[in-house]
Amino acid sequence: MLHPERSVLSVPGSRPELFEKALRSAADLVFLDLEDSVAETAKGEARRHVVRALQELDWRGRPRAVRINPLDSPHCYRDLVELVESAGNRLNIIILPKVNHPDEVRAVGLLLNQLETAGGIGHRIELEVQLETASGILHAAPIAAASDRLRSLVFGPGDYAASVGMPMTAIGMTDRWDEAYRGSRLHYPMHQLLVAARAHGLRAIDGPYADYRDLDGLRLAALQARALGYDGKWCIHPAQIPVVNEVFTPTEEEIAWAKEVLRAYHEAEEQRRGATAIGTMMIDAASLRMAESTLARARAAGLGF
């Protein structure tokens, strides 16, 4: 069973006092951040904190994940070398931000190949990549196909808005500009990312919601991402985790309906019928696939049935 990624909690790598609290949370995935949440002057120190956390802390059965700095930064190569050489056997996922082109994913993959071989790493480190620029969204499909290390594509709404010149008051939140547009301003990039991810068997994860006190706004943003087909959403504070987990977990009603669809469809197959109906609702092979998708999400969330 794939490890779920309904809620993905970001923790600044320069704040080691927050690490254990984050790992005690109900987040499906916790990652320690070396990029935007860490000041330029604190990059080296944060890297050392993160290495110690990989080596020493209890991650409670989760994959151990770290977001490094982008490939065009002066910090990326040191992030990769120090993380893998010092704690590679304890590192499961590297999150690569601001990916613009598939060659960037290939470059990181090649370097990981060498580091894993040289260090005798006993497993293959996976990659999650953030698409958060115009170029990244434009190249979403080839990026998704760039490496068999990939497990997820992650949308970055704040940097995307900056990249295309879209006015936005706060990351992932609606404001007066959304009222002026009268539509979903982020529908295009989010759907591009989703289709690219699904076409290559990857997860699609939405970015964060900036106001951790506004749980109603968070719920609406999470529902919109879930309505598109996303698997989860990043969180910037533990208070956001329960809402996000709830939204991205199928409800009892959804599970019951999916089971009923499977029952009706298989009964129709046994009777050599094609499409059938539950009440006035037509059921066919597409309905079966939707039901199976719902039940797969439920199983990944740990719901037994």
Protein backbone atom coordinates (compact mmCIF):
# COMPACT_ATOMS: atom_id res chain seq x y z
CA MET A 1 0.00 0.00 0.00
CA LEU A 2 1.28 3.47 -0.86
CA HIS A 3 1.96 5.73 2.11
CA PRO A 4 -0.77 8.41 2.05
CA GLU A 5 0.03 12.07 1.51
CA ARG A 6 -3.17 13.80 2.50
CA SER A 7 -1.38 16.23 4.83
CA VAL A 8 2.24 17.27 4.29
CA LEU A 9 3.69 19.34 7.12
CA SER A 10 6.55 21.73 6.41
CA VAL A 11 9.04 22.48 9.20
CA PRO A 12 11.87 25.03 8.91
CA GLY A 13 15.21 23.25 9.07
CA SER A 14 16.58 26.12 11.13
CA ARG A 15 14.05 25.46 13.95
CA PRO A 16 15.13 22.16 15.54
CA GLU A 17 12.97 22.87 18.59
CA LEU A 18 9.94 22.24 16.33
CA PHE A 19 11.06 18.93 14.87
CA GLU A 20 9.79 16.51 17.51
CA LYS A 21 6.44 18.29 17.85
CA ALA A 22 5.96 17.99 14.09
CA LEU A 23 6.86 14.30 14.14
CA ARG A 24 4.29 13.71 16.91
CA SER A 25 1.57 15.27 14.76
CA ALA A 26 -1.00 13.44 12.65
CA ALA A 27 0.56 14.59 9.36
CA ASP A 28 0.95 11.82 6.80
CA LEU A 29 4.29 13.26 5.72
CA VAL A 30 6.63 15.66 7.52
CA PHE A 31 9.47 17.34 5.69
CA LEU A 32 12.30 19.45 7.02
CA ASP A 33 12.86 22.50 4.87
CA LEU A 34 16.19 23.93 3.74
CA GLU A 35 14.71 26.34 1.19
CA ASP A 36 12.33 29.30 1.57
CA SER A 37 11.72 29.07 5.32
CA VAL A 38 15.47 29.27 6.06
CA ALA A 39 17.41 32.55 5.91
CA GLU A 40 20.36 32.69 3.50
CA THR A 41 22.76 33.14 6.42
CA ALA A 42 21.39 30.04 8.20
CA LYS A 43 21.56 27.49 5.37
CA GLY A 44 24.63 25.62 6.61
CA GLU A 45 23.44 25.47 10.20
CA ALA A 46 19.98 24.28 9.10
CA ARG A 47 21.58 21.53 7.04
CA ARG A 48 23.42 20.27 10.13
CA HIS A 49 20.18 20.32 12.17
CA VAL A 50 18.41 18.31 9.47
CA VAL A 51 21.17 15.70 9.24
CA ARG A 52 20.97 15.16 13.00
CA ALA A 53 17.19 14.85 12.81
CA LEU A 54 17.48 12.21 10.09
CA GLN A 55 20.03 10.31 12.14
CA GLU A 56 18.50 10.56 15.60
CA LEU A 57 14.76 11.31 15.67
CA ASP A 58 11.82 8.92 15.59
CA TRP A 59 9.84 9.60 12.40
CA ARG A 60 7.08 7.22 13.55
CA GLY A 61 7.00 5.06 10.46
CA ARG A 62 6.87 7.91 7.98
CA PRO A 63 9.25 8.34 5.07
CA ARG A 64 12.01 10.79 6.03
CA ALA A 65 11.75 13.81 3.74
CA VAL A 66 13.77 16.98 3.19
CA ARG A 67 13.20 19.90 0.83
CA ILE A 68 16.51 21.09 -0.57
CA ASN A 69 17.31 24.36 -2.30
CA PRO A 70 16.63 24.73 -6.05
CA LEU A 71 19.15 23.55 -8.59
CA ASP A 72 20.09 27.08 -9.65
CA SER A 73 20.95 28.13 -6.08
CA PRO A 74 24.47 28.04 -4.57
CA HIS A 75 23.21 25.64 -1.87
CA CYS A 76 21.70 22.74 -3.81
CA TYR A 77 24.84 20.67 -4.37
CA ARG A 78 25.90 20.97 -0.72
CA ASP A 79 22.41 19.96 0.38
CA LEU A 80 22.54 16.80 -1.72
CA VAL A 81 26.13 15.86 -0.85
CA GLU A 82 25.86 16.42 2.90
CA LEU A 83 22.42 14.85 3.28
CA VAL A 84 23.27 11.69 1.38
CA GLU A 85 26.84 11.29 2.62
CA SER A 86 25.89 11.92 6.27
CA ALA A 87 22.42 10.39 6.50
CA GLY A 88 21.63 8.73 3.17
CA ASN A 89 20.57 5.45 4.73
CA ARG A 90 17.98 7.37 6.75
CA LEU A 91 16.71 9.59 3.93
CA ASN A 92 13.74 8.49 1.83
CA ILE A 93 12.49 11.55 -0.07
CA ILE A 94 14.09 14.68 -1.46
CA ILE A 95 11.74 17.49 -2.44
CA LEU A 96 13.16 19.60 -5.27
CA PRO A 97 11.61 23.09 -5.55
CA LYS A 98 11.16 25.45 -8.50
CA VAL A 99 11.64 22.83 -11.19
CA ASN A 100 11.42 24.47 -14.62
CA HIS A 101 12.59 21.74 -17.00
CA PRO A 102 12.94 17.94 -17.01
CA ASP A 103 16.72 18.23 -17.32
CA GLU A 104 16.82 19.54 -13.74
CA VAL A 105 15.16 16.36 -12.48
CA ARG A 106 17.55 14.24 -14.55
CA ALA A 107 20.56 16.14 -13.19
CA VAL A 108 19.53 15.54 -9.58
CA GLY A 109 18.83 11.90 -10.38
CA LEU A 110 22.30 11.43 -11.87
CA LEU A 111 23.96 12.98 -8.84
CA LEU A 112 21.90 10.79 -6.53
CA ASN A 113 22.96 7.72 -8.51
CA GLN A 114 26.61 8.55 -7.82
CA LEU A 115 26.10 9.48 -4.17
CA GLU A 116 24.08 6.33 -3.46
CA THR A 117 26.66 4.10 -5.12
CA ALA A 118 29.62 5.78 -3.43
CA GLY A 119 27.93 5.71 -0.03
CA GLY A 120 26.58 2.17 -0.26
CA ILE A 121 23.05 3.44 0.31
CA GLY A 122 20.79 0.43 0.68
CA HIS A 123 17.71 1.93 -0.95
CA ARG A 124 16.75 4.35 -3.73
CA ILE A 125 15.93 7.89 -2.61
CA GLU A 126 12.70 9.14 -4.16
CA LEU A 127 11.95 12.60 -5.52
CA GLU A 128 9.03 14.96 -5.22
CA VAL A 129 9.19 18.06 -7.39
CA GLN A 130 7.49 21.41 -7.07
CA LEU A 131 6.07 23.11 -10.13
CA GLU A 132 5.77 26.76 -9.19
CA THR A 133 6.77 28.79 -12.23
CA ALA A 134 5.36 29.42 -15.70
CA SER A 135 8.11 27.25 -17.18
CA GLY A 136 7.46 24.45 -14.70
CA ILE A 137 3.76 24.30 -15.57
CA LEU A 138 4.53 24.55 -19.29
CA HIS A 139 6.84 21.52 -18.98
CA ALA A 140 4.67 19.58 -16.50
CA ALA A 141 4.31 16.46 -18.66
CA PRO A 142 8.01 16.00 -19.58
CA ILE A 143 8.97 16.76 -15.97
CA ALA A 144 6.61 14.02 -14.77
CA ALA A 145 8.29 11.61 -17.18
CA ALA A 146 11.85 12.65 -16.35
CA SER A 147 12.76 10.04 -13.71
CA ASP A 148 11.49 6.81 -12.22
CA ARG A 149 12.47 8.24 -8.83
CA LEU A 150 9.46 10.58 -8.94
CA ARG A 151 6.52 9.96 -6.64
CA SER A 152 4.67 13.32 -6.55
CA LEU A 153 4.23 16.65 -8.29
CA VAL A 154 3.52 19.55 -5.93
CA PHE A 155 1.89 22.83 -6.92
CA GLY A 156 3.43 26.04 -5.55
CA PRO A 157 0.77 28.79 -5.75
CA GLY A 158 2.82 31.68 -4.33
CA ASP A 159 5.83 31.42 -6.59
CA TYR A 160 3.59 30.59 -9.54
CA ALA A 161 1.62 33.80 -9.00
CA ALA A 162 4.87 35.78 -8.85
CA SER A 163 6.18 34.01 -11.95
CA VAL A 164 3.21 34.99 -14.13
CA GLY A 165 2.64 38.42 -12.59
CA MET A 166 -0.62 37.41 -10.88
CA PRO A 167 -1.50 39.70 -7.96
CA MET A 168 -2.01 37.66 -4.79
CA THR A 169 -2.22 38.92 -1.22
CA ALA A 170 -1.13 35.70 0.51
CA ILE A 171 -0.10 32.21 -0.59
CA GLY A 172 -2.98 29.94 -1.53
CA MET A 173 -5.71 32.32 -0.35
CA THR A 174 -8.47 34.14 -2.20
CA ASP A 175 -8.65 37.94 -2.22
CA ARG A 176 -10.27 40.81 -4.12
CA TRP A 177 -8.55 39.72 -7.32
CA ASP A 178 -10.44 36.44 -7.26
CA GLU A 179 -13.67 38.39 -6.96
CA ALA A 180 -12.64 40.54 -9.94
CA TYR A 181 -11.83 37.50 -12.10
CA ARG A 182 -15.01 35.61 -11.18
CA GLY A 183 -13.41 32.26 -11.73
CA SER A 184 -10.67 30.02 -10.42
CA ARG A 185 -7.46 31.86 -11.25
CA LEU A 186 -5.34 28.78 -10.47
CA HIS A 187 -7.48 26.22 -12.29
CA TYR A 188 -5.22 26.06 -15.35
CA PRO A 189 -1.88 25.37 -13.61
CA MET A 190 -3.46 23.04 -11.07
CA HIS A 191 -5.16 21.00 -13.76
CA GLN A 192 -2.03 20.91 -15.92
CA LEU A 193 -0.07 19.52 -12.99
CA LEU A 194 -2.80 17.02 -12.14
CA VAL A 195 -3.04 15.62 -15.67
CA ALA A 196 0.75 15.33 -15.97
CA ALA A 197 0.94 13.53 -12.62
CA ARG A 198 -1.85 11.08 -13.39
CA ALA A 199 -0.54 10.34 -16.88
CA HIS A 200 2.70 9.11 -15.28
CA GLY A 201 1.31 7.41 -12.19
CA LEU A 202 2.28 10.13 -9.72
CA ARG A 203 0.54 11.84 -6.82
CA ALA A 204 -0.66 15.43 -7.17
CA ILE A 205 -0.26 17.58 -4.05
CA ASP A 206 -1.57 21.12 -3.55
CA GLY A 207 0.52 23.85 -1.95
CA PRO A 208 -0.02 25.58 1.40
CA TYR A 209 -2.64 27.97 2.74
CA ALA A 210 -0.92 30.91 4.41
CA ASP A 211 -3.29 31.78 7.28
CA TYR A 212 -3.12 28.88 9.73
CA ARG A 213 -5.87 30.44 11.88
CA ASP A 214 -8.39 30.55 9.03
CA LEU A 215 -9.56 26.94 9.07
CA ASP A 216 -12.73 27.70 7.10
CA GLY A 217 -10.69 29.20 4.29
CA LEU A 218 -8.30 26.27 4.46
CA ARG A 219 -11.19 23.82 4.21
CA LEU A 220 -12.54 25.54 1.11
CA ALA A 221 -9.09 25.54 -0.56
CA ALA A 222 -8.61 21.86 0.31
CA LEU A 223 -12.08 20.98 -1.00
CA GLN A 224 -11.31 22.74 -4.28
CA ALA A 225 -8.09 20.75 -4.68
CA ARG A 226 -9.86 17.51 -3.75
CA ALA A 227 -12.65 18.29 -6.23
CA LEU A 228 -10.04 18.45 -9.00
CA GLY A 229 -8.59 15.09 -7.97
CA TYR A 230 -5.58 16.06 -5.84
CA ASP A 231 -4.30 13.61 -3.23
CA GLY A 232 -3.35 16.06 -0.49
CA LYS A 233 -2.19 19.48 0.55
CA TRP A 234 0.80 21.04 2.28
CA CYS A 235 0.37 22.42 5.80
CA ILE A 236 2.43 25.14 7.45
CA HIS A 237 1.11 24.55 10.98
CA PRO A 238 -0.07 21.46 12.91
CA ALA A 239 -3.47 23.14 13.44
CA GLN A 240 -4.19 22.67 9.73
CA ILE A 241 -3.62 18.91 9.71
CA PRO A 242 -7.02 17.67 10.99
CA VAL A 243 -8.93 19.70 8.39
CA VAL A 244 -6.71 18.57 5.53
CA ASN A 245 -6.78 14.92 6.59
CA GLU A 246 -10.57 15.02 6.81
CA VAL A 247 -11.05 16.61 3.38
CA PHE A 248 -8.75 14.15 1.61
CA THR A 249 -10.21 11.05 3.30
CA PRO A 250 -13.31 9.49 1.69
CA THR A 251 -16.39 9.79 3.89
CA GLU A 252 -18.42 6.83 5.13
CA GLU A 253 -21.08 7.73 2.55
CA GLU A 254 -18.53 7.77 -0.29
CA ILE A 255 -17.14 4.39 0.78
CA ALA A 256 -20.63 2.88 1.09
CA TRP A 257 -21.55 4.14 -2.38
CA ALA A 258 -18.32 2.79 -3.88
CA LYS A 259 -19.00 -0.64 -2.36
CA GLU A 260 -22.54 -0.59 -3.74
CA VAL A 261 -21.23 0.29 -7.21
CA LEU A 262 -18.81 -2.64 -7.10
CA ARG A 263 -21.54 -4.99 -5.93
CA ALA A 264 -23.99 -3.89 -8.64
CA TYR A 265 -21.40 -3.95 -11.39
CA HIS A 266 -20.09 -7.42 -10.59
CA GLU A 267 -23.66 -8.74 -10.27
CA ALA A 268 -24.41 -7.37 -13.74
CA GLU A 269 -21.25 -9.00 -15.11
CA GLU A 270 -22.27 -12.37 -13.71
CA GLN A 271 -25.60 -11.98 -15.49
CA ARG A 272 -23.78 -11.08 -18.73
CA ARG A 273 -25.15 -7.55 -18.72
CA GLY A 274 -23.06 -4.45 -19.43
CA ALA A 275 -24.34 -1.24 -17.91
CA THR A 276 -26.74 -1.55 -14.99
CA ALA A 277 -28.37 0.85 -12.53
CA ILE A 278 -28.64 1.57 -8.84
CA GLY A 279 -32.06 3.14 -8.56
CA THR A 280 -32.12 5.69 -11.38
CA MET A 281 -28.30 5.98 -11.52
CA MET A 282 -26.63 4.28 -14.48
CA ILE A 283 -23.53 2.22 -13.61
CA ASP A 284 -20.90 1.12 -16.13
CA ALA A 285 -17.16 0.39 -16.34
CA ALA A 286 -16.28 4.05 -15.75
CA SER A 287 -18.36 3.97 -12.56
CA LEU A 288 -16.40 0.91 -11.49
CA ARG A 289 -13.09 2.71 -11.95
CA MET A 290 -14.31 5.71 -9.94
CA ALA A 291 -15.47 3.41 -7.14
CA GLU A 292 -12.16 1.56 -7.10
CA SER A 293 -10.33 4.91 -6.89
CA THR A 294 -12.41 5.92 -3.86
CA LEU A 295 -11.72 2.64 -2.08
CA ALA A 296 -7.99 2.86 -2.86
CA ARG A 297 -7.89 6.31 -1.22
CA ALA A 298 -9.73 4.95 1.80
CA ARG A 299 -7.33 2.02 2.18
CA ALA A 300 -4.31 4.35 1.83
CA ALA A 301 -5.79 6.48 4.65
CA GLY A 302 -5.84 3.39 6.85
CA LEU A 303 -9.60 2.80 6.80
CA GLY A 304 -10.30 -0.90 7.13
CA PHE A 305 -13.35 -2.39 5.39
